[in-house]
Amino acid sequence: MKITVAQIKLIHTIIFWILSLCVLYSLFSAVSGKITSWTWVAVGLVLIESVVLMVSGWTCPLTLLVERLGHEKGSVADIFLPLWFANRIFPICGTIFSCSLVILLIRVLFLTE
């Protein structure tokens, strides 16, 4: 069975939404102080994704796969999102996640009893 661009886009979009929910949940947990084991699962998933991106040269392996199937390099043809948003995913999600980590660390290190 040959994988299609549409299948890759669907998988990539699902992964994007799951990881985005993890980023938002980590922010919610940090701000609200409701830190649970799910908080650490969310943080762990985003950190795993970060390692995957670092290893692949800050390009998602699914993007590389779509490019191998013929889409032009640098295009965001591998996800079902508007282009203006897709091009800004890393700065937006990265900033939110970084803020979440800082707040979580402050809460865990200094505000726990």
PDB file of N, CA and C in Angstrom:
ATOM      1  N   MET A   1       0.842  -1.183   0.000  1.00  0.00           N
ATOM      2  CA  MET A   1       0.000   0.000   0.000  1.00  0.00           C
ATOM      3  C   MET A   1       0.885   1.243   0.000  1.00  0.00           C
ATOM      4  N   LYS A   2       0.637   2.109  -0.935  1.00  0.00           N
ATOM      5  CA  LYS A   2       1.417   3.333  -1.061  1.00  0.00           C
ATOM      6  C   LYS A   2       0.749   4.448  -0.248  1.00  0.00           C
ATOM      7  N   ILE A   3       1.542   5.129   0.556  1.00  0.00           N
ATOM      8  CA  ILE A   3       1.004   6.217   1.360  1.00  0.00           C
ATOM      9  C   ILE A   3       0.846   7.462   0.480  1.00  0.00           C
ATOM     10  N   THR A   4      -0.237   8.182   0.693  1.00  0.00           N
ATOM     11  CA  THR A   4      -0.510   9.367  -0.116  1.00  0.00           C
ATOM     12  C   THR A   4      -0.239  10.632   0.687  1.00  0.00           C
ATOM     13  N   VAL A   5      -0.139  11.733  -0.025  1.00  0.00           N
ATOM     14  CA  VAL A   5       0.057  13.033   0.622  1.00  0.00           C
ATOM     15  C   VAL A   5      -1.124  13.344   1.534  1.00  0.00           C
ATOM     16  N   ALA A   6      -2.319  13.021   1.108  1.00  0.00           N
ATOM     17  CA  ALA A   6      -3.512  13.289   1.930  1.00  0.00           C
ATOM     18  C   ALA A   6      -3.453  12.509   3.248  1.00  0.00           C
ATOM     19  N   GLN A   7      -2.980  11.283   3.199  1.00  0.00           N
ATOM     20  CA  GLN A   7      -2.857  10.491   4.434  1.00  0.00           C
ATOM     21  C   GLN A   7      -1.813  11.100   5.369  1.00  0.00           C
ATOM     22  N   ILE A   8      -0.697  11.534   4.806  1.00  0.00           N
ATOM     23  CA  ILE A   8       0.343  12.173   5.623  1.00  0.00           C
ATOM     24  C   ILE A   8      -0.189  13.456   6.241  1.00  0.00           C
ATOM     25  N   LYS A   9      -0.919  14.243   5.446  1.00  0.00           N
ATOM     26  CA  LYS A   9      -1.489  15.495   5.960  1.00  0.00           C
ATOM     27  C   LYS A   9      -2.455  15.219   7.112  1.00  0.00           C
ATOM     28  N   LEU A  10      -3.254  14.183   6.974  1.00  0.00           N
ATOM     29  CA  LEU A  10      -4.206  13.835   8.026  1.00  0.00           C
ATOM     30  C   LEU A  10      -3.473  13.417   9.301  1.00  0.00           C
ATOM     31  N   ILE A  11      -2.488  12.556   9.166  1.00  0.00           N
ATOM     32  CA  ILE A  11      -1.710  12.111  10.330  1.00  0.00           C
ATOM     33  C   ILE A  11      -0.996  13.303  10.976  1.00  0.00           C
ATOM     34  N   HIS A  12      -0.378  14.132  10.152  1.00  0.00           N
ATOM     35  CA  HIS A  12       0.355  15.292  10.670  1.00  0.00           C
ATOM     36  C   HIS A  12      -0.581  16.269  11.381  1.00  0.00           C
ATOM     37  N   THR A  13      -1.750  16.462  10.831  1.00  0.00           N
ATOM     38  CA  THR A  13      -2.725  17.365  11.446  1.00  0.00           C
ATOM     39  C   THR A  13      -3.197  16.824  12.793  1.00  0.00           C
ATOM     40  N   ILE A  14      -3.451  15.530  12.871  1.00  0.00           N
ATOM     41  CA  ILE A  14      -3.863  14.915  14.145  1.00  0.00           C
ATOM     42  C   ILE A  14      -2.761  15.062  15.186  1.00  0.00           C
ATOM     43  N   ILE A  15      -1.527  14.776  14.786  1.00  0.00           N
ATOM     44  CA  ILE A  15      -0.394  14.932  15.708  1.00  0.00           C
ATOM     45  C   ILE A  15      -0.275  16.387  16.152  1.00  0.00           C
ATOM     46  N   PHE A  16      -0.432  17.314  15.223  1.00  0.00           N
ATOM     47  CA  PHE A  16      -0.366  18.743  15.550  1.00  0.00           C
ATOM     48  C   PHE A  16      -1.400  19.104  16.615  1.00  0.00           C
ATOM     49  N   TRP A  17      -2.634  18.669  16.444  1.00  0.00           N
ATOM     50  CA  TRP A  17      -3.683  19.020  17.413  1.00  0.00           C
ATOM     51  C   TRP A  17      -3.435  18.376  18.771  1.00  0.00           C
ATOM     52  N   ILE A  18      -2.957  17.152  18.788  1.00  0.00           N
ATOM     53  CA  ILE A  18      -2.638  16.502  20.067  1.00  0.00           C
ATOM     54  C   ILE A  18      -1.536  17.264  20.791  1.00  0.00           C
ATOM     55  N   LEU A  19      -0.466  17.595  20.069  1.00  0.00           N
ATOM     56  CA  LEU A  19       0.638  18.324  20.695  1.00  0.00           C
ATOM     57  C   LEU A  19       0.236  19.746  21.084  1.00  0.00           C
ATOM     58  N   SER A  20      -0.618  20.369  20.301  1.00  0.00           N
ATOM     59  CA  SER A  20      -1.113  21.707  20.654  1.00  0.00           C
ATOM     60  C   SER A  20      -1.938  21.651  21.936  1.00  0.00           C
ATOM     61  N   LEU A  21      -2.751  20.621  22.068  1.00  0.00           N
ATOM     62  CA  LEU A  21      -3.503  20.442  23.309  1.00  0.00           C
ATOM     63  C   LEU A  21      -2.562  20.212  24.484  1.00  0.00           C
ATOM     64  N   CYS A  22      -1.479  19.496  24.248  1.00  0.00           N
ATOM     65  CA  CYS A  22      -0.483  19.283  25.312  1.00  0.00           C
ATOM     66  C   CYS A  22       0.153  20.606  25.737  1.00  0.00           C
ATOM     67  N   VAL A  23       0.470  21.448  24.765  1.00  0.00           N
ATOM     68  CA  VAL A  23       1.046  22.762  25.066  1.00  0.00           C
ATOM     69  C   VAL A  23       0.051  23.594  25.874  1.00  0.00           C
ATOM     70  N   LEU A  24      -1.192  23.633  25.425  1.00  0.00           N
ATOM     71  CA  LEU A  24      -2.203  24.425  26.129  1.00  0.00           C
ATOM     72  C   LEU A  24      -2.500  23.849  27.514  1.00  0.00           C
ATOM     73  N   TYR A  25      -2.503  22.523  27.630  1.00  0.00           N
ATOM     74  CA  TYR A  25      -2.751  21.913  28.939  1.00  0.00           C
ATOM     75  C   TYR A  25      -1.611  22.206  29.905  1.00  0.00           C
ATOM     76  N   SER A  26      -0.387  22.188  29.405  1.00  0.00           N
ATOM     77  CA  SER A  26       0.740  22.508  30.285  1.00  0.00           C
ATOM     78  C   SER A  26       0.653  23.965  30.737  1.00  0.00           C
ATOM     79  N   LEU A  27       0.213  24.857  29.865  1.00  0.00           N
ATOM     80  CA  LEU A  27       0.036  26.258  30.251  1.00  0.00           C
ATOM     81  C   LEU A  27      -1.084  26.389  31.285  1.00  0.00           C
ATOM     82  N   PHE A  28      -2.202  25.728  31.049  1.00  0.00           N
ATOM     83  CA  PHE A  28      -3.314  25.760  31.998  1.00  0.00           C
ATOM     84  C   PHE A  28      -2.879  25.244  33.364  1.00  0.00           C
ATOM     85  N   SER A  29      -2.172  24.110  33.360  1.00  0.00           N
ATOM     86  CA  SER A  29      -1.710  23.523  34.623  1.00  0.00           C
ATOM     87  C   SER A  29      -0.772  24.468  35.353  1.00  0.00           C
ATOM     88  N   ALA A  30       0.117  25.075  34.610  1.00  0.00           N
ATOM     89  CA  ALA A  30       1.092  25.979  35.222  1.00  0.00           C
ATOM     90  C   ALA A  30       0.416  27.206  35.815  1.00  0.00           C
ATOM     91  N   VAL A  31      -0.465  27.819  35.056  1.00  0.00           N
ATOM     92  CA  VAL A  31      -1.123  29.046  35.513  1.00  0.00           C
ATOM     93  C   VAL A  31      -2.091  28.759  36.652  1.00  0.00           C
ATOM     94  N   SER A  32      -2.836  27.682  36.557  1.00  0.00           N
ATOM     95  CA  SER A  32      -3.840  27.372  37.580  1.00  0.00           C
ATOM     96  C   SER A  32      -3.241  26.699  38.816  1.00  0.00           C
ATOM     97  N   GLY A  33      -2.049  26.161  38.675  1.00  0.00           N
ATOM     98  CA  GLY A  33      -1.435  25.438  39.787  1.00  0.00           C
ATOM     99  C   GLY A  33      -1.973  24.036  39.960  1.00  0.00           C
ATOM    100  N   LYS A  34      -2.784  23.581  39.007  1.00  0.00           N
ATOM    101  CA  LYS A  34      -3.346  22.225  39.063  1.00  0.00           C
ATOM    102  C   LYS A  34      -2.427  21.274  38.298  1.00  0.00           C
ATOM    103  N   ILE A  35      -1.304  20.957  38.924  1.00  0.00           N
ATOM    104  CA  ILE A  35      -0.292  20.130  38.291  1.00  0.00           C
ATOM    105  C   ILE A  35      -0.552  18.674  38.661  1.00  0.00           C
ATOM    106  N   THR A  36      -0.812  17.868  37.638  1.00  0.00           N
ATOM    107  CA  THR A  36      -1.120  16.453  37.836  1.00  0.00           C
ATOM    108  C   THR A  36      -0.155  15.607  37.010  1.00  0.00           C
ATOM    109  N   SER A  37      -0.349  14.317  37.071  1.00  0.00           N
ATOM    110  CA  SER A  37       0.477  13.441  36.238  1.00  0.00           C
ATOM    111  C   SER A  37       0.212  13.694  34.755  1.00  0.00           C
ATOM    112  N   TRP A  38      -0.986  14.135  34.405  1.00  0.00           N
ATOM    113  CA  TRP A  38      -1.297  14.471  33.010  1.00  0.00           C
ATOM    114  C   TRP A  38      -0.492  15.675  32.541  1.00  0.00           C
ATOM    115  N   THR A  39      -0.179  16.566  33.461  1.00  0.00           N
ATOM    116  CA  THR A  39       0.668  17.712  33.114  1.00  0.00           C
ATOM    117  C   THR A  39       2.015  17.212  32.623  1.00  0.00           C
ATOM    118  N   TRP A  40       2.584  16.262  33.372  1.00  0.00           N
ATOM    119  CA  TRP A  40       3.907  15.750  33.009  1.00  0.00           C
ATOM    120  C   TRP A  40       3.858  14.894  31.751  1.00  0.00           C
ATOM    121  N   VAL A  41       2.748  14.213  31.502  1.00  0.00           N
ATOM    122  CA  VAL A  41       2.583  13.479  30.244  1.00  0.00           C
ATOM    123  C   VAL A  41       2.587  14.466  29.082  1.00  0.00           C
ATOM    124  N   ALA A  42       1.836  15.559  29.230  1.00  0.00           N
ATOM    125  CA  ALA A  42       1.774  16.579  28.180  1.00  0.00           C
ATOM    126  C   ALA A  42       3.151  17.182  27.930  1.00  0.00           C
ATOM    127  N   VAL A  43       3.843  17.542  29.010  1.00  0.00           N
ATOM    128  CA  VAL A  43       5.184  18.117  28.883  1.00  0.00           C
ATOM    129  C   VAL A  43       6.114  17.104  28.213  1.00  0.00           C
ATOM    130  N   GLY A  44       6.037  15.861  28.620  1.00  0.00           N
ATOM    131  CA  GLY A  44       6.888  14.822  28.045  1.00  0.00           C
ATOM    132  C   GLY A  44       6.662  14.632  26.555  1.00  0.00           C
ATOM    133  N   LEU A  45       5.408  14.637  26.132  1.00  0.00           N
ATOM    134  CA  LEU A  45       5.109  14.472  24.705  1.00  0.00           C
ATOM    135  C   LEU A  45       5.683  15.618  23.882  1.00  0.00           C
ATOM    136  N   VAL A  46       5.551  16.835  24.392  1.00  0.00           N
ATOM    137  CA  VAL A  46       6.091  17.988  23.663  1.00  0.00           C
ATOM    138  C   VAL A  46       7.625  17.936  23.645  1.00  0.00           C
ATOM    139  N   LEU A  47       8.228  17.510  24.742  1.00  0.00           N
ATOM    140  CA  LEU A  47       9.688  17.393  24.770  1.00  0.00           C
ATOM    141  C   LEU A  47      10.176  16.309  23.807  1.00  0.00           C
ATOM    142  N   ILE A  48       9.437  15.201  23.718  1.00  0.00           N
ATOM    143  CA  ILE A  48       9.790  14.149  22.747  1.00  0.00           C
ATOM    144  C   ILE A  48       9.713  14.709  21.331  1.00  0.00           C
ATOM    145  N   GLU A  49       8.662  15.451  21.036  1.00  0.00           N
ATOM    146  CA  GLU A  49       8.533  16.075  19.716  1.00  0.00           C
ATOM    147  C   GLU A  49       9.696  17.024  19.460  1.00  0.00           C
ATOM    148  N   SER A  50      10.120  17.749  20.483  1.00  0.00           N
ATOM    149  CA  SER A  50      11.250  18.669  20.334  1.00  0.00           C
ATOM    150  C   SER A  50      12.528  17.920  19.988  1.00  0.00           C
ATOM    151  N   VAL A  51      12.743  16.780  20.625  1.00  0.00           N
ATOM    152  CA  VAL A  51      13.928  15.972  20.328  1.00  0.00           C
ATOM    153  C   VAL A  51      13.861  15.450  18.893  1.00  0.00           C
ATOM    154  N   VAL A  52      12.691  14.992  18.478  1.00  0.00           N
ATOM    155  CA  VAL A  52      12.516  14.506  17.104  1.00  0.00           C
ATOM    156  C   VAL A  52      12.852  15.624  16.111  1.00  0.00           C
ATOM    157  N   LEU A  53      12.372  16.827  16.391  1.00  0.00           N
ATOM    158  CA  LEU A  53      12.649  17.953  15.501  1.00  0.00           C
ATOM    159  C   LEU A  53      14.139  18.301  15.488  1.00  0.00           C
ATOM    160  N   MET A  54      14.774  18.296  16.657  1.00  0.00           N
ATOM    161  CA  MET A  54      16.205  18.596  16.715  1.00  0.00           C
ATOM    162  C   MET A  54      17.005  17.578  15.912  1.00  0.00           C
ATOM    163  N   VAL A  55      16.681  16.307  16.079  1.00  0.00           N
ATOM    164  CA  VAL A  55      17.407  15.243  15.385  1.00  0.00           C
ATOM    165  C   VAL A  55      17.238  15.360  13.868  1.00  0.00           C
ATOM    166  N   SER A  56      16.086  15.817  13.429  1.00  0.00           N
ATOM    167  CA  SER A  56      15.827  15.906  11.983  1.00  0.00           C
ATOM    168  C   SER A  56      16.098  17.302  11.425  1.00  0.00           C
ATOM    169  N   GLY A  57      16.923  18.074  12.122  1.00  0.00           N
ATOM    170  CA  GLY A  57      17.318  19.387  11.598  1.00  0.00           C
ATOM    171  C   GLY A  57      16.233  20.438  11.661  1.00  0.00           C
ATOM    172  N   TRP A  58      15.402  20.379  12.678  1.00  0.00           N
ATOM    173  CA  TRP A  58      14.297  21.323  12.913  1.00  0.00           C
ATOM    174  C   TRP A  58      13.263  21.309  11.794  1.00  0.00           C
ATOM    175  N   THR A  59      13.155  20.171  11.138  1.00  0.00           N
ATOM    176  CA  THR A  59      12.104  19.961  10.149  1.00  0.00           C
ATOM    177  C   THR A  59      11.396  18.670  10.513  1.00  0.00           C
ATOM    178  N   CYS A  60      10.092  18.716  10.536  1.00  0.00           N
ATOM    179  CA  CYS A  60       9.318  17.528  10.890  1.00  0.00           C
ATOM    180  C   CYS A  60       9.586  16.408   9.883  1.00  0.00           C
ATOM    181  N   PRO A  61       9.799  15.195  10.371  1.00  0.00           N
ATOM    182  CA  PRO A  61      10.012  14.069   9.451  1.00  0.00           C
ATOM    183  C   PRO A  61       8.853  13.871   8.470  1.00  0.00           C
ATOM    184  N   LEU A  62       7.649  14.236   8.867  1.00  0.00           N
ATOM    185  CA  LEU A  62       6.515  14.112   7.939  1.00  0.00           C
ATOM    186  C   LEU A  62       6.619  15.134   6.812  1.00  0.00           C
ATOM    187  N   THR A  63       7.167  16.300   7.099  1.00  0.00           N
ATOM    188  CA  THR A  63       7.407  17.301   6.056  1.00  0.00           C
ATOM    189  C   THR A  63       8.427  16.758   5.062  1.00  0.00           C
ATOM    190  N   LEU A  64       9.479  16.147   5.572  1.00  0.00           N
ATOM    191  CA  LEU A  64      10.493  15.562   4.693  1.00  0.00           C
ATOM    192  C   LEU A  64       9.896  14.467   3.820  1.00  0.00           C
ATOM    193  N   LEU A  65       8.985  13.673   4.409  1.00  0.00           N
ATOM    194  CA  LEU A  65       8.333  12.612   3.653  1.00  0.00           C
ATOM    195  C   LEU A  65       7.476  13.189   2.522  1.00  0.00           C
ATOM    196  N   VAL A  66       6.731  14.250   2.795  1.00  0.00           N
ATOM    197  CA  VAL A  66       5.902  14.883   1.769  1.00  0.00           C
ATOM    198  C   VAL A  66       6.779  15.455   0.659  1.00  0.00           C
ATOM    199  N   GLU A  67       7.912  16.038   1.045  1.00  0.00           N
ATOM    200  CA  GLU A  67       8.830  16.574   0.037  1.00  0.00           C
ATOM    201  C   GLU A  67       9.375  15.458  -0.844  1.00  0.00           C
ATOM    202  N   ARG A  68       9.644  14.289  -0.250  1.00  0.00           N
ATOM    203  CA  ARG A  68      10.119  13.145  -1.038  1.00  0.00           C
ATOM    204  C   ARG A  68       9.053  12.660  -2.027  1.00  0.00           C
ATOM    205  N   LEU A  69       7.781  12.927  -1.687  1.00  0.00           N
ATOM    206  CA  LEU A  69       6.691  12.529  -2.586  1.00  0.00           C
ATOM    207  C   LEU A  69       6.443  13.547  -3.688  1.00  0.00           C
ATOM    208  N   GLY A  70       7.249  14.635  -3.709  1.00  0.00           N
ATOM    209  CA  GLY A  70       7.163  15.554  -4.826  1.00  0.00           C
ATOM    210  C   GLY A  70       6.759  16.976  -4.519  1.00  0.00           C
ATOM    211  N   HIS A  71       6.362  17.281  -3.290  1.00  0.00           N
ATOM    212  CA  HIS A  71       6.012  18.664  -2.984  1.00  0.00           C
ATOM    213  C   HIS A  71       7.270  19.491  -2.849  1.00  0.00           C
ATOM    214  N   GLU A  72       7.139  20.769  -3.170  1.00  0.00           N
ATOM    215  CA  GLU A  72       8.320  21.628  -3.151  1.00  0.00           C
ATOM    216  C   GLU A  72       8.864  21.813  -1.738  1.00  0.00           C
ATOM    217  N   LYS A  73      10.168  21.950  -1.655  1.00  0.00           N
ATOM    218  CA  LYS A  73      10.852  22.096  -0.370  1.00  0.00           C
ATOM    219  C   LYS A  73      10.433  23.407   0.274  1.00  0.00           C
ATOM    220  N   GLY A  74      10.190  23.343   1.580  1.00  0.00           N
ATOM    221  CA  GLY A  74       9.839  24.551   2.321  1.00  0.00           C
ATOM    222  C   GLY A  74       8.361  24.869   2.312  1.00  0.00           C
ATOM    223  N   SER A  75       7.583  24.162   1.513  1.00  0.00           N
ATOM    224  CA  SER A  75       6.149  24.429   1.516  1.00  0.00           C
ATOM    225  C   SER A  75       5.513  23.741   2.703  1.00  0.00           C
ATOM    226  N   VAL A  76       4.378  24.248   3.107  1.00  0.00           N
ATOM    227  CA  VAL A  76       3.669  23.616   4.216  1.00  0.00           C
ATOM    228  C   VAL A  76       2.494  22.847   3.606  1.00  0.00           C
ATOM    229  N   ALA A  77       2.842  21.915   2.759  1.00  0.00           N
ATOM    230  CA  ALA A  77       1.831  21.117   2.080  1.00  0.00           C
ATOM    231  C   ALA A  77       1.529  19.840   2.842  1.00  0.00           C
ATOM    232  N   ASP A  78       2.061  19.747   4.060  1.00  0.00           N
ATOM    233  CA  ASP A  78       1.948  18.486   4.786  1.00  0.00           C
ATOM    234  C   ASP A  78       1.002  18.567   5.972  1.00  0.00           C
ATOM    235  N   ILE A  79       0.177  19.616   6.067  1.00  0.00           N
ATOM    236  CA  ILE A  79      -0.728  19.758   7.201  1.00  0.00           C
ATOM    237  C   ILE A  79      -1.976  20.526   6.755  1.00  0.00           C
ATOM    238  N   PHE A  80      -3.125  20.168   7.320  1.00  0.00           N
ATOM    239  CA  PHE A  80      -4.374  20.840   6.996  1.00  0.00           C
ATOM    240  C   PHE A  80      -4.564  22.055   7.900  1.00  0.00           C
ATOM    241  N   LEU A  81      -3.830  23.110   7.632  1.00  0.00           N
ATOM    242  CA  LEU A  81      -3.946  24.379   8.358  1.00  0.00           C
ATOM    243  C   LEU A  81      -3.769  25.507   7.360  1.00  0.00           C
ATOM    244  N   PRO A  82      -4.322  26.682   7.670  1.00  0.00           N
ATOM    245  CA  PRO A  82      -4.060  27.828   6.784  1.00  0.00           C
ATOM    246  C   PRO A  82      -2.561  28.126   6.753  1.00  0.00           C
ATOM    247  N   LEU A  83      -2.048  28.507   5.598  1.00  0.00           N
ATOM    248  CA  LEU A  83      -0.623  28.731   5.411  1.00  0.00           C
ATOM    249  C   LEU A  83      -0.065  29.766   6.390  1.00  0.00           C
ATOM    250  N   TRP A  84      -0.799  30.875   6.606  1.00  0.00           N
ATOM    251  CA  TRP A  84      -0.299  31.930   7.499  1.00  0.00           C
ATOM    252  C   TRP A  84      -0.094  31.405   8.918  1.00  0.00           C
ATOM    253  N   PHE A  85      -0.943  30.459   9.350  1.00  0.00           N
ATOM    254  CA  PHE A  85      -0.803  29.883  10.688  1.00  0.00           C
ATOM    255  C   PHE A  85       0.271  28.794  10.703  1.00  0.00           C
ATOM    256  N   ALA A  86       0.268  27.959   9.691  1.00  0.00           N
ATOM    257  CA  ALA A  86       1.229  26.861   9.619  1.00  0.00           C
ATOM    258  C   ALA A  86       2.661  27.386   9.637  1.00  0.00           C
ATOM    259  N   ASN A  87       2.904  28.521   9.009  1.00  0.00           N
ATOM    260  CA  ASN A  87       4.248  29.097   8.988  1.00  0.00           C
ATOM    261  C   ASN A  87       4.661  29.685  10.334  1.00  0.00           C
ATOM    262  N   ARG A  88       3.722  29.831  11.250  1.00  0.00           N
ATOM    263  CA  ARG A  88       4.018  30.434  12.551  1.00  0.00           C
ATOM    264  C   ARG A  88       3.839  29.470  13.730  1.00  0.00           C
ATOM    265  N   ILE A  89       3.686  28.195  13.448  1.00  0.00           N
ATOM    266  CA  ILE A  89       3.442  27.205  14.501  1.00  0.00           C
ATOM    267  C   ILE A  89       4.575  27.183  15.517  1.00  0.00           C
ATOM    268  N   PHE A  90       5.807  27.087  15.050  1.00  0.00           N
ATOM    269  CA  PHE A  90       6.933  26.961  15.981  1.00  0.00           C
ATOM    270  C   PHE A  90       7.078  28.179  16.888  1.00  0.00           C
ATOM    271  N   PRO A  91       7.052  29.400  16.362  1.00  0.00           N
ATOM    272  CA  PRO A  91       7.167  30.548  17.279  1.00  0.00           C
ATOM    273  C   PRO A  91       6.009  30.645  18.275  1.00  0.00           C
ATOM    274  N   ILE A  92       4.801  30.378  17.826  1.00  0.00           N
ATOM    275  CA  ILE A  92       3.637  30.488  18.704  1.00  0.00           C
ATOM    276  C   ILE A  92       3.664  29.393  19.774  1.00  0.00           C
ATOM    277  N   CYS A  93       3.723  28.150  19.332  1.00  0.00           N
ATOM    278  CA  CYS A  93       3.690  27.035  20.288  1.00  0.00           C
ATOM    279  C   CYS A  93       4.948  26.992  21.138  1.00  0.00           C
ATOM    280  N   GLY A  94       6.092  27.326  20.546  1.00  0.00           N
ATOM    281  CA  GLY A  94       7.342  27.331  21.299  1.00  0.00           C
ATOM    282  C   GLY A  94       7.342  28.354  22.416  1.00  0.00           C
ATOM    283  N   THR A  95       6.816  29.536  22.139  1.00  0.00           N
ATOM    284  CA  THR A  95       6.742  30.582  23.154  1.00  0.00           C
ATOM    285  C   THR A  95       5.787  30.188  24.276  1.00  0.00           C
ATOM    286  N   ILE A  96       4.629  29.685  23.918  1.00  0.00           N
ATOM    287  CA  ILE A  96       3.653  29.271  24.926  1.00  0.00           C
ATOM    288  C   ILE A  96       4.231  28.151  25.787  1.00  0.00           C
ATOM    289  N   PHE A  97       4.870  27.172  25.145  1.00  0.00           N
ATOM    290  CA  PHE A  97       5.416  26.044  25.898  1.00  0.00           C
ATOM    291  C   PHE A  97       6.565  26.489  26.795  1.00  0.00           C
ATOM    292  N   SER A  98       7.413  27.369  26.308  1.00  0.00           N
ATOM    293  CA  SER A  98       8.522  27.878  27.129  1.00  0.00           C
ATOM    294  C   SER A  98       8.003  28.603  28.361  1.00  0.00           C
ATOM    295  N   CYS A  99       6.989  29.428  28.177  1.00  0.00           N
ATOM    296  CA  CYS A  99       6.369  30.121  29.318  1.00  0.00           C
ATOM    297  C   CYS A  99       5.779  29.117  30.297  1.00  0.00           C
ATOM    298  N   SER A 100       5.150  28.089  29.774  1.00  0.00           N
ATOM    299  CA  SER A 100       4.575  27.040  30.627  1.00  0.00           C
ATOM    300  C   SER A 100       5.652  26.367  31.460  1.00  0.00           C
ATOM    301  N   LEU A 101       6.766  26.036  30.825  1.00  0.00           N
ATOM    302  CA  LEU A 101       7.852  25.375  31.548  1.00  0.00           C
ATOM    303  C   LEU A 101       8.420  26.261  32.655  1.00  0.00           C
ATOM    304  N   VAL A 102       8.591  27.538  32.361  1.00  0.00           N
ATOM    305  CA  VAL A 102       9.118  28.462  33.369  1.00  0.00           C
ATOM    306  C   VAL A 102       8.169  28.536  34.563  1.00  0.00           C
ATOM    307  N   ILE A 103       6.878  28.698  34.286  1.00  0.00           N
ATOM    308  CA  ILE A 103       5.898  28.790  35.373  1.00  0.00           C
ATOM    309  C   ILE A 103       5.833  27.473  36.148  1.00  0.00           C
ATOM    310  N   LEU A 104       5.856  26.347  35.435  1.00  0.00           N
ATOM    311  CA  LEU A 104       5.845  25.045  36.115  1.00  0.00           C
ATOM    312  C   LEU A 104       7.062  24.888  37.020  1.00  0.00           C
ATOM    313  N   LEU A 105       8.219  25.249  36.527  1.00  0.00           N
ATOM    314  CA  LEU A 105       9.434  25.136  37.339  1.00  0.00           C
ATOM    315  C   LEU A 105       9.362  26.027  38.577  1.00  0.00           C
ATOM    316  N   ILE A 106       8.868  27.238  38.409  1.00  0.00           N
ATOM    317  CA  ILE A 106       8.725  28.138  39.560  1.00  0.00           C
ATOM    318  C   ILE A 106       7.769  27.530  40.579  1.00  0.00           C
ATOM    319  N   ARG A 107       6.650  27.016  40.098  1.00  0.00           N
ATOM    320  CA  ARG A 107       5.670  26.414  41.012  1.00  0.00           C
ATOM    321  C   ARG A 107       6.246  25.201  41.730  1.00  0.00           C
ATOM    322  N   VAL A 108       6.914  24.343  40.999  1.00  0.00           N
ATOM    323  CA  VAL A 108       7.443  23.105  41.585  1.00  0.00           C
ATOM    324  C   VAL A 108       8.598  23.387  42.530  1.00  0.00           C
ATOM    325  N   LEU A 109       9.492  24.281  42.147  1.00  0.00           N
ATOM    326  CA  LEU A 109      10.691  24.535  42.944  1.00  0.00           C
ATOM    327  C   LEU A 109      10.471  25.478  44.138  1.00  0.00           C
ATOM    328  N   PHE A 110       9.570  26.454  43.969  1.00  0.00           N
ATOM    329  CA  PHE A 110       9.459  27.496  44.976  1.00  0.00           C
ATOM    330  C   PHE A 110       8.100  27.610  45.653  1.00  0.00           C
ATOM    331  N   LEU A 111       7.058  27.127  45.022  1.00  0.00           N
ATOM    332  CA  LEU A 111       5.717  27.359  45.566  1.00  0.00           C
ATOM    333  C   LEU A 111       5.051  26.106  46.109  1.00  0.00           C
ATOM    334  N   THR A 112       5.733  24.975  46.095  1.00  0.00           N
ATOM    335  CA  THR A 112       5.133  23.770  46.659  1.00  0.00           C
ATOM    336  C   THR A 112       5.434  23.699  48.153  1.00  0.00           C
ATOM    337  N   GLU A 113       4.565  23.062  48.857  1.00  0.00           N
ATOM    338  CA  GLU A 113       4.711  22.982  50.313  1.00  0.00           C
ATOM    339  C   GLU A 113       5.376  21.711  50.759  1.00  0.00           C
TER     340      GLU A 113
END
